[in-house]
Amino acid sequence: LCDRWVHSGRTMTYAPECVILHAHAMGLAG
C-alpha cells in the first residue's frame, strides 16, 4: 500500500507523537 501510494505521487508523514504499545507475545516457534 505504501509503495503504491508513493508511486502515485502522494505523500506520507511520520508522526512519532502518535504512539501505540504493541504486546505480541511469542516464543521461538512463533
Full PDB file with SEQRES, HELIX, SHEET, SSBOND, CRYST1, ORIGX, SCALE, CONECT and MASTER records, all heavy atoms in Angstrom:
SEQRES   1 A   30  LEU CYS ASP ARG TRP VAL HIS SER GLY ARG THR MET THR          
SEQRES   2 A   30  TYR ALA PRO GLU CYS VAL ILE LEU HIS ALA HIS ALA MET          
SEQRES   3 A   30  GLY LEU ALA GLY                                              
HELIX    1 AA1 CYS A    2  HIS A    7  1                                   6    
CRYST1    1.000    1.000    1.000  90.00  90.00  90.00 P 1           1          
ORIGX1      1.000000  0.000000  0.000000        0.00000                         
ORIGX2      0.000000  1.000000  0.000000        0.00000                         
ORIGX3      0.000000  0.000000  1.000000        0.00000                         
SCALE1      1.000000  0.000000  0.000000        0.00000                         
SCALE2      0.000000  1.000000  0.000000        0.00000                         
SCALE3      0.000000  0.000000  1.000000        0.00000                         
ATOM      1  N   LEU A   1       0.837  -1.203   0.000  1.00  0.00           N  
ATOM      2  CA  LEU A   1       0.000   0.000   0.000  1.00  0.00           C  
ATOM      3  C   LEU A   1       0.876   1.258   0.000  1.00  0.00           C  
ATOM      4  O   LEU A   1       0.642   2.188  -0.788  1.00  0.00           O  
ATOM      5  CB  LEU A   1      -0.929   0.010   1.211  1.00  0.00           C  
ATOM      6  CG  LEU A   1      -1.732   1.307   1.402  1.00  0.00           C  
ATOM      7  CD1 LEU A   1      -2.750   1.493   0.285  1.00  0.00           C  
ATOM      8  CD2 LEU A   1      -2.428   1.319   2.759  1.00  0.00           C  
ATOM      9  N   CYS A   2       1.868   1.302   0.883  1.00  0.00           N  
ATOM     10  CA  CYS A   2       2.733   2.483   0.960  1.00  0.00           C  
ATOM     11  C   CYS A   2       3.475   2.694  -0.356  1.00  0.00           C  
ATOM     12  O   CYS A   2       3.620   3.841  -0.821  1.00  0.00           O  
ATOM     13  CB  CYS A   2       3.722   2.328   2.109  1.00  0.00           C  
ATOM     14  SG  CYS A   2       2.966   2.368   3.760  1.00  0.00           S  
ATOM     15  N   ASP A   3       3.935   1.617  -0.974  1.00  0.00           N  
ATOM     16  CA  ASP A   3       4.670   1.733  -2.222  1.00  0.00           C  
ATOM     17  C   ASP A   3       3.775   2.267  -3.335  1.00  0.00           C  
ATOM     18  O   ASP A   3       4.186   3.147  -4.105  1.00  0.00           O  
ATOM     19  CB  ASP A   3       5.237   0.367  -2.608  1.00  0.00           C  
ATOM     20  CG  ASP A   3       6.213   0.452  -3.769  1.00  0.00           C  
ATOM     21  OD1 ASP A   3       7.251   1.114  -3.615  1.00  0.00           O  
ATOM     22  OD2 ASP A   3       5.932  -0.150  -4.821  1.00  0.00           O  
ATOM     23  N   ARG A   4       2.570   1.747  -3.437  1.00  0.00           N  
ATOM     24  CA  ARG A   4       1.637   2.257  -4.452  1.00  0.00           C  
ATOM     25  C   ARG A   4       1.273   3.717  -4.192  1.00  0.00           C  
ATOM     26  O   ARG A   4       1.132   4.518  -5.127  1.00  0.00           O  
ATOM     27  CB  ARG A   4       0.372   1.396  -4.491  1.00  0.00           C  
ATOM     28  CG  ARG A   4       0.569   0.057  -5.165  1.00  0.00           C  
ATOM     29  CD  ARG A   4      -0.729  -0.702  -5.330  1.00  0.00           C  
ATOM     30  NE  ARG A   4      -1.197  -1.287  -4.088  1.00  0.00           N  
ATOM     31  CZ  ARG A   4      -2.296  -0.942  -3.452  1.00  0.00           C  
ATOM     32  NH1 ARG A   4      -3.077   0.019  -3.933  1.00  0.00           N  
ATOM     33  NH2 ARG A   4      -2.648  -1.544  -2.331  1.00  0.00           N  
ATOM     34  N   TRP A   5       1.099   4.054  -2.914  1.00  0.00           N  
ATOM     35  CA  TRP A   5       0.741   5.422  -2.539  1.00  0.00           C  
ATOM     36  C   TRP A   5       1.839   6.396  -2.979  1.00  0.00           C  
ATOM     37  O   TRP A   5       1.561   7.420  -3.614  1.00  0.00           O  
ATOM     38  CB  TRP A   5       0.538   5.480  -1.036  1.00  0.00           C  
ATOM     39  CG  TRP A   5       0.083   6.808  -0.506  1.00  0.00           C  
ATOM     40  CD1 TRP A   5       0.880   7.856  -0.154  1.00  0.00           C  
ATOM     41  CD2 TRP A   5      -1.260   7.220  -0.253  1.00  0.00           C  
ATOM     42  NE1 TRP A   5       0.112   8.898   0.307  1.00  0.00           N  
ATOM     43  CE2 TRP A   5      -1.203   8.536   0.256  1.00  0.00           C  
ATOM     44  CE3 TRP A   5      -2.500   6.604  -0.392  1.00  0.00           C  
ATOM     45  CZ2 TRP A   5      -2.346   9.251   0.622  1.00  0.00           C  
ATOM     46  CZ3 TRP A   5      -3.639   7.303  -0.029  1.00  0.00           C  
ATOM     47  CH2 TRP A   5      -3.567   8.607   0.465  1.00  0.00           C  
ATOM     48  N   VAL A   6       3.088   6.096  -2.648  1.00  0.00           N  
ATOM     49  CA  VAL A   6       4.193   6.981  -3.011  1.00  0.00           C  
ATOM     50  C   VAL A   6       4.392   6.998  -4.523  1.00  0.00           C  
ATOM     51  O   VAL A   6       4.642   8.052  -5.120  1.00  0.00           O  
ATOM     52  CB  VAL A   6       5.480   6.533  -2.284  1.00  0.00           C  
ATOM     53  CG1 VAL A   6       6.694   7.304  -2.796  1.00  0.00           C  
ATOM     54  CG2 VAL A   6       5.333   6.735  -0.779  1.00  0.00           C  
ATOM     55  N   HIS A   7       4.256   5.835  -5.162  1.00  0.00           N  
ATOM     56  CA  HIS A   7       4.423   5.754  -6.616  1.00  0.00           C  
ATOM     57  C   HIS A   7       3.396   6.619  -7.342  1.00  0.00           C  
ATOM     58  O   HIS A   7       3.668   7.139  -8.429  1.00  0.00           O  
ATOM     59  CB  HIS A   7       4.310   4.300  -7.069  1.00  0.00           C  
ATOM     60  CG  HIS A   7       4.597   4.087  -8.527  1.00  0.00           C  
ATOM     61  ND1 HIS A   7       5.858   4.235  -9.064  1.00  0.00           N  
ATOM     62  CD2 HIS A   7       3.776   3.742  -9.557  1.00  0.00           C  
ATOM     63  CE1 HIS A   7       5.805   3.988 -10.366  1.00  0.00           C  
ATOM     64  NE2 HIS A   7       4.567   3.683 -10.687  1.00  0.00           N  
ATOM     65  N   SER A   8       2.226   6.820  -6.740  1.00  0.00           N  
ATOM     66  CA  SER A   8       1.179   7.646  -7.358  1.00  0.00           C  
ATOM     67  C   SER A   8       1.417   9.140  -7.162  1.00  0.00           C  
ATOM     68  O   SER A   8       0.620   9.955  -7.627  1.00  0.00           O  
ATOM     69  CB  SER A   8      -0.190   7.269  -6.774  1.00  0.00           C  
ATOM     70  OG  SER A   8      -0.305   7.728  -5.429  1.00  0.00           O  
ATOM     71  N   GLY A   9       2.508   9.498  -6.458  1.00  0.00           N  
ATOM     72  CA  GLY A   9       2.815  10.904  -6.243  1.00  0.00           C  
ATOM     73  C   GLY A   9       2.274  11.473  -4.958  1.00  0.00           C  
ATOM     74  O   GLY A   9       2.426  12.674  -4.697  1.00  0.00           O  
ATOM     75  N   ARG A  10       1.681  10.633  -4.118  1.00  0.00           N  
ATOM     76  CA  ARG A  10       1.139  11.103  -2.845  1.00  0.00           C  
ATOM     77  C   ARG A  10       2.233  11.098  -1.765  1.00  0.00           C  
ATOM     78  O   ARG A  10       3.285  10.514  -1.940  1.00  0.00           O  
ATOM     79  CB  ARG A  10      -0.039  10.237  -2.423  1.00  0.00           C  
ATOM     80  CG  ARG A  10      -1.257  10.351  -3.359  1.00  0.00           C  
ATOM     81  CD  ARG A  10      -2.312   9.316  -2.998  1.00  0.00           C  
ATOM     82  NE  ARG A  10      -3.580   9.542  -3.666  1.00  0.00           N  
ATOM     83  CZ  ARG A  10      -3.905   9.072  -4.861  1.00  0.00           C  
ATOM     84  NH1 ARG A  10      -3.026   8.338  -5.535  1.00  0.00           N  
ATOM     85  NH2 ARG A  10      -5.087   9.312  -5.378  1.00  0.00           N  
ATOM     86  N   THR A  11       1.911  11.723  -0.635  1.00  0.00           N  
ATOM     87  CA  THR A  11       2.879  11.948   0.436  1.00  0.00           C  
ATOM     88  C   THR A  11       2.521  11.142   1.671  1.00  0.00           C  
ATOM     89  O   THR A  11       1.334  10.902   1.942  1.00  0.00           O  
ATOM     90  CB  THR A  11       2.919  13.454   0.797  1.00  0.00           C  
ATOM     91  OG1 THR A  11       3.284  14.191  -0.372  1.00  0.00           O  
ATOM     92  CG2 THR A  11       3.926  13.743   1.900  1.00  0.00           C  
ATOM     93  N   MET A  12       3.548  10.743   2.434  1.00  0.00           N  
ATOM     94  CA  MET A  12       3.367  10.090   3.729  1.00  0.00           C  
ATOM     95  C   MET A  12       4.164  10.860   4.773  1.00  0.00           C  
ATOM     96  O   MET A  12       5.277  11.311   4.519  1.00  0.00           O  
ATOM     97  CB  MET A  12       3.827   8.634   3.689  1.00  0.00           C  
ATOM     98  CG  MET A  12       3.184   7.821   2.587  1.00  0.00           C  
ATOM     99  SD  MET A  12       3.112   6.032   2.937  1.00  0.00           S  
ATOM    100  CE  MET A  12       4.766   5.700   3.497  1.00  0.00           C  
ATOM    101  N   THR A  13       3.589  10.995   5.970  1.00  0.00           N  
ATOM    102  CA  THR A  13       4.205  11.757   7.051  1.00  0.00           C  
ATOM    103  C   THR A  13       4.295  10.898   8.300  1.00  0.00           C  
ATOM    104  O   THR A  13       3.325  10.234   8.684  1.00  0.00           O  
ATOM    105  CB  THR A  13       3.368  13.021   7.371  1.00  0.00           C  
ATOM    106  OG1 THR A  13       3.396  13.893   6.239  1.00  0.00           O  
ATOM    107  CG2 THR A  13       3.929  13.752   8.574  1.00  0.00           C  
ATOM    108  N   TYR A  14       5.462  10.933   8.928  1.00  0.00           N  
ATOM    109  CA  TYR A  14       5.683  10.208  10.183  1.00  0.00           C  
ATOM    110  C   TYR A  14       5.341  11.117  11.355  1.00  0.00           C  
ATOM    111  O   TYR A  14       5.827  12.241  11.457  1.00  0.00           O  
ATOM    112  CB  TYR A  14       7.136   9.755  10.269  1.00  0.00           C  
ATOM    113  CG  TYR A  14       7.485   8.985  11.522  1.00  0.00           C  
ATOM    114  CD1 TYR A  14       6.649   7.991  12.021  1.00  0.00           C  
ATOM    115  CD2 TYR A  14       8.679   9.238  12.198  1.00  0.00           C  
ATOM    116  CE1 TYR A  14       6.980   7.278  13.158  1.00  0.00           C  
ATOM    117  CE2 TYR A  14       9.025   8.523  13.328  1.00  0.00           C  
ATOM    118  CZ  TYR A  14       8.163   7.545  13.810  1.00  0.00           C  
ATOM    119  OH  TYR A  14       8.500   6.846  14.941  1.00  0.00           O  
ATOM    120  N   ALA A  15       4.483  10.608  12.256  1.00  0.00           N  
ATOM    121  CA  ALA A  15       4.035  11.364  13.430  1.00  0.00           C  
ATOM    122  C   ALA A  15       4.430  10.585  14.685  1.00  0.00           C  
ATOM    123  O   ALA A  15       3.620   9.818  15.226  1.00  0.00           O  
ATOM    124  CB  ALA A  15       2.529  11.590  13.377  1.00  0.00           C  
ATOM    125  N   PRO A  16       5.661  10.735  15.185  1.00  0.00           N  
ATOM    126  CA  PRO A  16       6.133   9.913  16.306  1.00  0.00           C  
ATOM    127  C   PRO A  16       5.387  10.165  17.610  1.00  0.00           C  
ATOM    128  O   PRO A  16       5.492   9.345  18.531  1.00  0.00           O  
ATOM    129  CB  PRO A  16       7.611  10.301  16.432  1.00  0.00           C  
ATOM    130  CG  PRO A  16       7.720  11.647  15.805  1.00  0.00           C  
ATOM    131  CD  PRO A  16       6.698  11.670  14.699  1.00  0.00           C  
ATOM    132  N   GLU A  17       4.649  11.259  17.700  1.00  0.00           N  
ATOM    133  CA  GLU A  17       3.877  11.523  18.920  1.00  0.00           C  
ATOM    134  C   GLU A  17       2.615  10.665  19.019  1.00  0.00           C  
ATOM    135  O   GLU A  17       1.988  10.600  20.082  1.00  0.00           O  
ATOM    136  CB  GLU A  17       3.504  13.014  18.991  1.00  0.00           C  
ATOM    137  CG  GLU A  17       2.399  13.463  18.038  1.00  0.00           C  
ATOM    138  CD  GLU A  17       2.868  13.780  16.619  1.00  0.00           C  
ATOM    139  OE1 GLU A  17       4.039  13.453  16.298  1.00  0.00           O  
ATOM    140  OE2 GLU A  17       2.069  14.331  15.832  1.00  0.00           O  
ATOM    141  N   CYS A  18       2.245   9.999  17.933  1.00  0.00           N  
ATOM    142  CA  CYS A  18       1.044   9.150  17.910  1.00  0.00           C  
ATOM    143  C   CYS A  18       1.477   7.708  18.205  1.00  0.00           C  
ATOM    144  O   CYS A  18       1.870   6.969  17.302  1.00  0.00           O  
ATOM    145  CB  CYS A  18       0.343   9.256  16.560  1.00  0.00           C  
ATOM    146  SG  CYS A  18      -0.162  10.940  16.140  1.00  0.00           S  
ATOM    147  N   VAL A  19       1.389   7.311  19.467  1.00  0.00           N  
ATOM    148  CA  VAL A  19       2.048   6.099  19.954  1.00  0.00           C  
ATOM    149  C   VAL A  19       1.044   4.989  20.243  1.00  0.00           C  
ATOM    150  O   VAL A  19      -0.035   5.234  20.802  1.00  0.00           O  
ATOM    151  CB  VAL A  19       2.852   6.406  21.234  1.00  0.00           C  
ATOM    152  CG1 VAL A  19       3.486   5.138  21.807  1.00  0.00           C  
ATOM    153  CG2 VAL A  19       3.917   7.459  20.954  1.00  0.00           C  
ATOM    154  N   ILE A  20       1.410   3.785  19.860  1.00  0.00           N  
ATOM    155  CA  ILE A  20       0.702   2.596  20.330  1.00  0.00           C  
ATOM    156  C   ILE A  20       1.704   1.671  21.008  1.00  0.00           C  
ATOM    157  O   ILE A  20       2.886   1.639  20.653  1.00  0.00           O  
ATOM    158  CB  ILE A  20      -0.022   1.834  19.198  1.00  0.00           C  
ATOM    159  CG1 ILE A  20       0.978   1.315  18.160  1.00  0.00           C  
ATOM    160  CG2 ILE A  20      -1.104   2.672  18.556  1.00  0.00           C  
ATOM    161  CD1 ILE A  20       0.381   0.326  17.195  1.00  0.00           C  
ATOM    162  N   LEU A  21       1.229   0.916  22.005  1.00  0.00           N  
ATOM    163  CA  LEU A  21       2.018  -0.121  22.651  1.00  0.00           C  
ATOM    164  C   LEU A  21       1.635  -1.460  22.039  1.00  0.00           C  
ATOM    165  O   LEU A  21       0.451  -1.793  21.956  1.00  0.00           O  
ATOM    166  CB  LEU A  21       1.752  -0.127  24.159  1.00  0.00           C  
ATOM    167  CG  LEU A  21       2.051   1.164  24.906  1.00  0.00           C  
ATOM    168  CD1 LEU A  21       1.708   1.009  26.388  1.00  0.00           C  
ATOM    169  CD2 LEU A  21       3.498   1.594  24.735  1.00  0.00           C  
ATOM    170  N   HIS A  22       2.656  -2.207  21.616  1.00  0.00           N  
ATOM    171  CA  HIS A  22       2.422  -3.469  20.917  1.00  0.00           C  
ATOM    172  C   HIS A  22       2.771  -4.624  21.854  1.00  0.00           C  
ATOM    173  O   HIS A  22       3.902  -4.715  22.333  1.00  0.00           O  
ATOM    174  CB  HIS A  22       3.276  -3.519  19.661  1.00  0.00           C  
ATOM    175  CG  HIS A  22       2.969  -4.655  18.748  1.00  0.00           C  
ATOM    176  ND1 HIS A  22       3.877  -5.160  17.844  1.00  0.00           N  
ATOM    177  CD2 HIS A  22       1.848  -5.395  18.584  1.00  0.00           C  
ATOM    178  CE1 HIS A  22       3.338  -6.139  17.169  1.00  0.00           C  
ATOM    179  NE2 HIS A  22       2.101  -6.317  17.601  1.00  0.00           N  
ATOM    180  N   ALA A  23       1.809  -5.502  22.116  1.00  0.00           N  
ATOM    181  CA  ALA A  23       2.008  -6.611  23.057  1.00  0.00           C  
ATOM    182  C   ALA A  23       1.761  -7.939  22.347  1.00  0.00           C  
ATOM    183  O   ALA A  23       0.736  -8.594  22.550  1.00  0.00           O  
ATOM    184  CB  ALA A  23       1.080  -6.461  24.263  1.00  0.00           C  
ATOM    185  N   HIS A  24       2.712  -8.331  21.494  1.00  0.00           N  
ATOM    186  CA  HIS A  24       2.598  -9.587  20.754  1.00  0.00           C  
ATOM    187  C   HIS A  24       3.559 -10.596  21.365  1.00  0.00           C  
ATOM    188  O   HIS A  24       4.737 -10.659  21.006  1.00  0.00           O  
ATOM    189  CB  HIS A  24       2.906  -9.365  19.277  1.00  0.00           C  
ATOM    190  CG  HIS A  24       2.632 -10.559  18.423  1.00  0.00           C  
ATOM    191  ND1 HIS A  24       2.633 -10.519  17.051  1.00  0.00           N  
ATOM    192  CD2 HIS A  24       2.331 -11.846  18.749  1.00  0.00           C  
ATOM    193  CE1 HIS A  24       2.362 -11.720  16.564  1.00  0.00           C  
ATOM    194  NE2 HIS A  24       2.178 -12.535  17.582  1.00  0.00           N  
ATOM    195  N   ALA A  25       3.043 -11.384  22.299  1.00  0.00           N  
ATOM    196  CA  ALA A  25       3.878 -12.386  22.964  1.00  0.00           C  
ATOM    197  C   ALA A  25       4.161 -13.548  22.010  1.00  0.00           C  
ATOM    198  O   ALA A  25       3.263 -14.006  21.299  1.00  0.00           O  
ATOM    199  CB  ALA A  25       3.189 -12.893  24.222  1.00  0.00           C  
ATOM    200  N   MET A  26       5.403 -14.017  22.006  1.00  0.00           N  
ATOM    201  CA  MET A  26       5.747 -15.169  21.167  1.00  0.00           C  
ATOM    202  C   MET A  26       7.009 -15.839  21.686  1.00  0.00           C  
ATOM    203  O   MET A  26       7.841 -15.205  22.348  1.00  0.00           O  
ATOM    204  CB  MET A  26       5.914 -14.744  19.701  1.00  0.00           C  
ATOM    205  CG  MET A  26       7.098 -13.853  19.425  1.00  0.00           C  
ATOM    206  SD  MET A  26       7.180 -13.350  17.674  1.00  0.00           S  
ATOM    207  CE  MET A  26       6.293 -11.807  17.784  1.00  0.00           C  
ATOM    208  N   GLY A  27       7.108 -17.129  21.394  1.00  0.00           N  
ATOM    209  CA  GLY A  27       8.318 -17.884  21.662  1.00  0.00           C  
ATOM    210  C   GLY A  27       9.084 -18.093  20.379  1.00  0.00           C  
ATOM    211  O   GLY A  27       8.757 -17.525  19.329  1.00  0.00           O  
ATOM    212  N   LEU A  28      10.078 -18.964  20.435  1.00  0.00           N  
ATOM    213  CA  LEU A  28      10.926 -19.187  19.272  1.00  0.00           C  
ATOM    214  C   LEU A  28      10.125 -19.727  18.084  1.00  0.00           C  
ATOM    215  O   LEU A  28      10.301 -19.266  16.951  1.00  0.00           O  
ATOM    216  CB  LEU A  28      12.048 -20.163  19.636  1.00  0.00           C  
ATOM    217  CG  LEU A  28      12.982 -20.581  18.496  1.00  0.00           C  
ATOM    218  CD1 LEU A  28      13.656 -19.362  17.876  1.00  0.00           C  
ATOM    219  CD2 LEU A  28      14.026 -21.573  19.002  1.00  0.00           C  
ATOM    220  N   ALA A  29       9.222 -20.696  18.331  1.00  0.00           N  
ATOM    221  CA  ALA A  29       8.464 -21.295  17.226  1.00  0.00           C  
ATOM    222  C   ALA A  29       7.572 -20.258  16.552  1.00  0.00           C  
ATOM    223  O   ALA A  29       7.509 -20.166  15.320  1.00  0.00           O  
ATOM    224  CB  ALA A  29       7.632 -22.472  17.731  1.00  0.00           C  
ATOM    225  N   GLY A  30       6.878 -19.455  17.356  1.00  0.00           N  
ATOM    226  CA  GLY A  30       6.009 -18.433  16.788  1.00  0.00           C  
ATOM    227  C   GLY A  30       6.800 -17.361  16.053  1.00  0.00           C  
ATOM    228  O   GLY A  30       6.375 -16.860  15.000  1.00  0.00           O  
TER     229      GLY A  30                                                      
MASTER        0    0    0    1    0    0    0    6  228    1    0    3          
END                                                                             
